[in-house]
Protein backbone atom coordinates (compact mmCIF):
# COMPACT_ATOMS: atom_id res chain seq x y z
CA MET A 1 0.00 0.00 0.00
CA SER A 2 2.80 2.44 0.79
CA THR A 3 4.34 1.84 -2.63
CA PHE A 4 1.11 2.90 -4.33
CA ALA A 5 0.94 6.06 -2.21
CA THR A 6 4.56 6.80 -3.07
CA TYR A 7 3.85 6.49 -6.77
CA VAL A 8 0.80 8.75 -6.47
CA LEU A 9 2.79 11.42 -4.62
CA LEU A 10 5.69 11.24 -7.07
CA GLY A 11 3.27 11.32 -10.01
CA ALA A 12 1.67 14.46 -8.60
CA ALA A 13 5.12 16.05 -8.20
CA ILE A 14 5.93 15.19 -11.82
CA GLY A 15 2.57 16.61 -12.93
CA ILE A 16 3.29 19.89 -11.13
CA ALA A 17 6.74 20.05 -12.73
CA LEU A 18 5.29 19.46 -16.21
CA ALA A 19 2.54 22.04 -15.69
CA SER A 20 5.10 24.56 -14.46
CA ALA A 21 7.33 23.89 -17.46
CA LEU A 22 4.37 24.39 -19.78
CA GLY A 23 3.53 27.66 -18.02
CA VAL A 24 7.09 28.88 -18.43
CA LEU A 25 6.97 27.95 -22.11
CA VAL A 26 3.68 29.74 -22.76
CA MET A 27 4.30 33.01 -20.89
CA ASN A 28 5.81 35.96 -22.74
CA ASP A 29 7.30 38.01 -19.91
CA ALA A 30 10.09 37.02 -17.52
CA LEU A 31 8.09 38.17 -14.48
CA GLN A 32 5.17 36.00 -15.58
CA ARG A 33 7.51 33.05 -16.06
CA LEU A 34 8.82 33.55 -12.54
CA HIS A 35 5.38 32.69 -11.15
CA TYR A 36 5.45 29.31 -12.84
CA VAL A 37 8.86 28.31 -11.51
CA SER A 38 7.87 28.51 -7.84
CA PRO A 39 5.34 25.64 -7.60
CA THR A 40 7.94 23.08 -8.61
CA ALA A 41 10.29 24.14 -5.83
CA THR A 42 7.56 24.34 -3.20
CA LEU A 43 4.76 21.89 -3.92
CA GLY A 44 6.96 19.48 -5.85
CA ALA A 45 9.49 19.36 -3.02
CA LEU A 46 6.72 18.88 -0.47
CA LEU A 47 5.23 15.97 -2.43
CA ILE A 48 8.61 14.33 -2.90
CA GLY A 49 9.32 14.72 0.83
CA ALA A 50 5.95 13.18 1.63
CA ALA A 51 6.67 10.28 -0.74
CA LEU A 52 10.00 9.76 1.00
CA ALA A 53 8.30 9.74 4.40
CA VAL A 54 5.64 7.26 3.23
CA GLU A 55 8.14 4.90 1.62
CA ASP A 56 10.82 4.87 4.31
CA LEU A 57 9.68 5.16 7.92
CA GLN A 58 13.13 5.66 9.44
CA LEU A 59 13.41 8.83 11.51
CA ALA A 60 16.81 9.78 10.07
CA VAL A 61 15.55 9.60 6.48
CA ILE A 62 12.37 11.53 7.26
CA SER A 63 14.23 14.24 9.17
CA LYS A 64 16.74 14.75 6.33
CA GLY A 65 13.92 14.93 3.80
CA LEU A 66 12.04 17.41 5.97
CA LEU A 67 15.16 19.55 6.31
CA ILE A 68 15.60 19.64 2.54
CA VAL A 69 11.93 20.57 2.02
CA VAL A 70 12.17 23.40 4.58
CA LEU A 71 15.36 24.71 2.97
CA LEU A 72 13.77 24.65 -0.48
CA PHE A 73 10.71 26.50 0.83
CA GLY A 74 12.85 29.20 2.41
CA THR A 75 15.34 29.66 -0.40
CA ASN A 76 12.67 29.57 -3.11
CA ALA A 77 10.90 32.56 -1.61
CA VAL A 78 14.12 34.55 -1.30
CA VAL A 79 15.37 33.68 -4.79
CA ALA A 80 11.99 34.43 -6.41
CA HIS A 81 11.78 37.80 -4.66
CA ALA A 82 15.37 38.75 -5.51
CA THR A 83 14.94 37.71 -9.14
CA GLY A 84 11.68 39.63 -9.48
CA ARG A 85 13.18 42.74 -7.92
CA ALA A 86 16.25 42.55 -10.15
CA LEU A 87 14.03 42.25 -13.25
CA TYR A 88 11.89 45.15 -12.07
CA LEU A 89 14.87 47.40 -11.38
CA ARG A 90 16.51 46.51 -14.68
CA ARG A 91 13.43 47.68 -16.57
CA GLN A 92 13.32 51.06 -14.84
CA GLU A 93 14.80 54.02 -16.62
CA PRO A 94 18.30 54.82 -15.46
CA PRO A 95 18.52 57.89 -13.24
CA GLU A 96 19.72 61.05 -14.85
CA PRO A 97 23.28 62.00 -13.97
CA ALA A 98 23.56 64.70 -11.35
CA GLU A 99 24.66 68.09 -12.61
CA GLU A 100 28.23 68.88 -11.78
CA ARG A 101 28.64 71.82 -9.47
CA GLY A 102 31.21 74.46 -10.19
CA PRO A 103 33.97 75.41 -7.73
């Protein structure tokens, strides 16, 4: 029974990854594409961690998988925000140079 649940969880993670890849392919703008990258790192990682926990009931394996999932959740938010901000700032008009003051 646990093998079936593992396959279902992994299949859902693969489905999310494929849907995200399709979203990235279809979108025109880099900021729009950024929204489709995040589900793979968050939901996909959570489903893979759950599949790992269902398949192997050892505490050491589950704790390592949970640590990886938490790290992916945290770093994904930071990387997505930093990437979005960098894209936003790059599109802004450059500031005009300050006038030089005489002596």
